[in-house]
Amino acid sequence: MIVTEAGIIGFPKPNYVFKENDGYAVVPVHRTIGMDGHVSVTWFTRDITGIDKKHYIGGRGVIEFGDGEVWSCAILQQMELLTCSRADA
């Protein structure tokens, strides 16, 4: 959580679960206790239960909130699951 004069930026929930076949993971970011002015926050991925390049494509970026904006999100691409049938073997 980051406290600024323009509010507190954080995640609305402590954790998120995404299905492996969703394609993308959309992680919401919320600004509370103030929404005046422009503010930005840098985000980055870190492996915990998902592994970069195996389960998702990691990265980093900047989320910007304009004056009065309270919701934004980080979008991560998940790795496509490849399966083979017995006939493919």
Protein backbone atom coordinates (compact mmCIF):
# COMPACT_ATOMS: atom_id res chain seq x y z
CA MET A 1 0.00 0.00 0.00
CA ILE A 2 1.34 3.43 -0.89
CA VAL A 3 0.15 6.55 0.96
CA THR A 4 0.26 9.81 -0.96
CA GLU A 5 -1.38 13.21 -0.62
CA ALA A 6 -3.65 12.14 -3.45
CA GLY A 7 -4.87 9.03 -1.63
CA ILE A 8 -3.91 5.45 -0.84
CA ILE A 9 -3.23 3.08 -3.74
CA GLY A 10 -3.61 -0.64 -3.20
CA PHE A 11 -5.45 -3.80 -4.09
CA PRO A 12 -9.12 -4.13 -3.13
CA LYS A 13 -8.55 -7.78 -2.08
CA PRO A 14 -5.50 -9.47 -0.52
CA ASN A 15 -5.23 -12.12 -3.26
CA TYR A 16 -6.71 -13.19 -6.58
CA VAL A 17 -7.20 -16.52 -8.29
CA PHE A 18 -7.20 -16.80 -12.08
CA LYS A 19 -7.98 -19.85 -14.17
CA GLU A 20 -5.13 -21.05 -16.34
CA ASN A 21 -7.27 -20.89 -19.50
CA ASP A 22 -8.49 -17.30 -18.96
CA GLY A 23 -5.75 -15.92 -21.22
CA TYR A 24 -5.31 -12.74 -19.19
CA ALA A 25 -5.24 -11.90 -15.51
CA VAL A 26 -6.78 -8.51 -14.78
CA VAL A 27 -5.66 -7.24 -11.37
CA PRO A 28 -7.69 -4.27 -10.10
CA VAL A 29 -5.97 -1.36 -8.35
CA HIS A 30 -7.96 1.09 -6.22
CA ARG A 31 -7.27 4.61 -4.96
CA THR A 32 -9.00 5.52 -1.68
CA ILE A 33 -9.03 8.33 0.89
CA GLY A 34 -8.47 11.04 -1.67
CA MET A 35 -8.68 11.37 -5.42
CA ASP A 36 -7.25 14.81 -6.08
CA GLY A 37 -4.56 15.30 -8.65
CA HIS A 38 -2.54 13.01 -10.85
CA VAL A 39 -0.69 10.11 -9.22
CA SER A 40 1.16 7.09 -10.57
CA VAL A 41 2.51 3.87 -9.11
CA THR A 42 5.06 1.44 -10.51
CA TRP A 43 4.13 -2.25 -10.47
CA PHE A 44 6.10 -5.42 -11.15
CA THR A 45 5.47 -9.14 -11.07
CA ARG A 46 7.03 -11.63 -8.69
CA ASP A 47 6.85 -15.41 -8.77
CA ILE A 48 4.99 -17.01 -5.87
CA THR A 49 2.73 -19.85 -7.03
CA GLY A 50 2.90 -18.89 -10.71
CA ILE A 51 6.22 -18.98 -12.55
CA ASP A 52 7.21 -16.32 -15.10
CA LYS A 53 7.42 -17.69 -18.66
CA LYS A 54 5.72 -20.90 -17.49
CA HIS A 55 2.35 -19.72 -16.14
CA TYR A 56 2.33 -16.05 -17.12
CA ILE A 57 4.41 -13.41 -18.87
CA GLY A 58 5.88 -11.23 -16.17
CA GLY A 59 6.69 -7.58 -16.42
CA ARG A 60 6.59 -4.17 -14.89
CA GLY A 61 4.80 -0.97 -15.67
CA VAL A 62 3.21 2.21 -14.39
CA ILE A 63 -0.44 2.69 -13.49
CA GLU A 64 -1.58 6.28 -13.68
CA PHE A 65 -4.61 7.85 -12.02
CA GLY A 66 -5.91 11.15 -13.31
CA ASP A 67 -7.67 13.72 -11.15
CA GLY A 68 -10.79 12.06 -9.75
CA GLU A 69 -9.93 8.55 -10.98
CA VAL A 70 -10.17 5.78 -8.38
CA TRP A 71 -9.96 2.50 -10.38
CA SER A 72 -7.37 1.08 -12.73
CA CYS A 73 -5.85 -2.34 -13.38
CA ALA A 74 -2.75 -4.25 -14.37
CA ILE A 75 -3.24 -6.84 -17.10
CA LEU A 76 -0.95 -9.85 -17.32
CA GLN A 77 -0.93 -12.32 -20.17
CA GLN A 78 -1.08 -15.95 -19.09
CA MET A 79 0.85 -18.62 -20.93
CA GLU A 80 -1.22 -20.77 -23.24
CA LEU A 81 -1.58 -24.30 -21.99
CA LEU A 82 -0.62 -26.80 -24.65
CA THR A 83 -2.02 -30.28 -24.40
CA CYS A 84 -1.53 -33.32 -26.53
CA SER A 85 -3.83 -36.22 -26.98
CA ARG A 86 -2.76 -39.82 -26.99
CA ALA A 87 -3.03 -39.75 -30.80
CA ASP A 88 -0.39 -36.96 -30.91
CA ALA A 89 2.21 -39.06 -29.07
